[in-house]
Protein backbone atom coordinates (compact mmCIF):
# COMPACT_ATOMS: atom_id res chain seq x y z
CA UNK A 1 0.01 0.00 0.01
CA UNK A 2 1.46 3.21 -1.18
CA UNK A 3 0.48 6.52 0.43
CA UNK A 4 0.81 9.64 -1.63
CA UNK A 5 3.11 12.38 -0.24
CA UNK A 6 0.15 14.80 0.02
CA UNK A 7 -1.88 12.30 2.04
CA UNK A 8 1.15 11.59 4.27
CA UNK A 9 1.59 15.31 4.94
CA UNK A 10 -2.13 15.66 5.67
CA UNK A 11 -1.98 12.69 8.06
CA UNK A 12 1.13 14.09 9.71
CA UNK A 13 -0.54 17.47 10.14
CA UNK A 14 -3.63 15.85 11.67
CA UNK A 15 -1.47 13.78 14.03
CA UNK A 16 0.48 16.89 15.02
CA UNK A 17 -2.73 18.78 15.71
CA UNK A 18 -4.02 15.88 17.80
CA UNK A 19 -0.74 15.88 19.76
CA UNK A 20 -0.98 19.65 20.27
CA UNK A 21 -4.52 19.29 21.64
CA UNK A 22 -3.38 16.52 23.96
CA UNK A 23 -0.45 18.65 25.16
CA UNK A 24 -2.75 21.61 25.73
CA UNK A 25 -5.18 19.43 27.66
CA UNK A 26 -2.37 17.99 29.80
CA UNK A 27 -0.96 21.49 30.41
CA UNK A 28 -4.39 22.67 31.59
CA UNK A 29 -4.74 19.65 33.87
CA UNK A 30 -1.28 20.35 35.28
CA UNK A 31 -2.23 24.02 35.90
CA UNK A 32 -5.40 22.91 37.70
CA UNK A 33 -3.39 20.46 39.83
CA UNK A 34 -0.90 23.22 40.66
CA UNK A 35 -3.80 25.45 41.75
CA UNK A 36 -5.22 22.65 43.88
CA UNK A 37 -1.81 22.02 45.48
CA UNK A 38 -1.44 25.73 46.25
CA UNK A 39 -4.90 25.81 47.86
CA UNK A 40 -4.13 22.68 49.87
CA UNK A 41 -0.82 24.16 50.96
CA UNK A 42 -2.57 27.33 52.11
CA UNK A 43 -5.22 25.31 53.96
CA UNK A 44 -2.54 23.19 55.59
CA UNK A 45 -0.68 26.30 56.76
CA UNK A 46 -3.87 27.73 58.23
CA UNK A 47 -4.67 24.44 59.98
CA UNK A 48 -1.15 24.23 61.40
CA UNK A 49 -1.38 27.80 62.73
CA UNK A 50 -4.78 27.12 64.30
CA UNK A 51 -3.60 23.83 65.82
CA UNK A 52 -0.50 25.47 67.26
CA UNK A 53 -2.59 28.28 68.71
CA UNK A 54 -5.04 25.84 70.27
CA UNK A 55 -2.24 23.73 71.74
CA UNK A 56 -0.54 26.80 73.22
CA UNK A 57 -3.86 28.02 74.64
CA UNK A 58 -4.58 24.61 76.16
CA UNK A 59 -1.10 24.44 77.71
CA UNK A 60 -1.53 27.94 79.17
CA UNK A 61 -4.95 27.00 80.60
CA UNK A 62 -3.44 23.83 82.09
CA UNK A 63 -0.64 25.82 83.75
CA UNK A 64 -3.14 28.32 85.14
CA UNK A 65 -5.35 25.52 86.42
CA UNK A 66 -2.37 23.80 88.05
CA UNK A 67 -1.32 27.07 89.69
CA UNK A 68 -4.85 27.64 90.96
CA UNK A 69 -5.03 24.08 92.27
CA UNK A 70 -1.71 24.59 94.08
CA UNK A 71 -2.99 27.83 95.65
CA UNK A 72 -6.28 26.20 96.73
CA UNK A 73 -4.37 23.24 98.18
CA UNK A 74 -2.14 25.60 100.19
CA UNK A 75 -5.23 27.46 101.43
CA UNK A 76 -6.91 24.18 102.39
CA UNK A 77 -3.78 23.02 104.24
CA UNK A 78 -3.58 26.36 106.06
CA UNK A 79 -7.26 26.19 107.00
CA UNK A 80 -6.86 22.60 108.21
CA UNK A 81 -3.85 23.57 110.34
CA UNK A 82 -5.76 26.57 111.76
CA UNK A 83 -8.71 24.36 112.63
CA UNK A 84 -6.42 21.88 114.37
CA UNK A 85 -4.87 24.72 116.42
CA UNK A 86 -8.30 26.05 117.35
CA UNK A 87 -9.48 22.58 118.43
CA UNK A 88 -6.34 22.15 120.54
CA UNK A 89 -6.89 25.56 122.20
CA UNK A 90 -10.53 24.71 122.81
CA UNK A 91 -9.56 21.38 124.39
CA UNK A 92 -6.99 23.08 126.63
CA UNK A 93 -9.54 25.73 127.60
CA UNK A 94 -12.14 23.07 128.35
CA UNK A 95 -9.67 21.17 130.55
CA UNK A 96 -8.73 24.40 132.37
CA UNK A 97 -12.44 25.22 132.92
CA UNK A 98 -13.12 21.70 134.19
CA UNK A 99 -10.14 21.90 136.55
CA UNK A 100 -11.27 25.31 137.82
CA UNK A 101 -14.83 24.02 138.33
CA UNK A 102 -13.51 21.03 140.29
CA UNK A 103 -11.33 23.29 142.41
CA UNK A 104 -14.29 25.59 143.07
CA UNK A 105 -16.44 22.67 144.19
CA UNK A 106 -13.69 21.36 146.42
CA UNK A 107 -13.57 24.66 148.33
């Protein structure tokens, strides 16, 4: 089968045009993928910033809560010690009053 030179040129031109369209289509797909990657990169950066901020905020809240718990524990310990001292004084006073009452009755 012999193909005339004009038909060969026409076929070559059609093949070249088909290849050009395929290249253009692939270039457009590549551009779209680049745009998507850029958007994903931007979203990832925003998510990382938000996550870091939330983690820092949570750590700060934890520290504040621990400090408050420490202060409350110290206050509770001080109140407990004060109550123990008051009970001891009350017991001593009660013993002194009982001893004085017994001495008064003995007179």
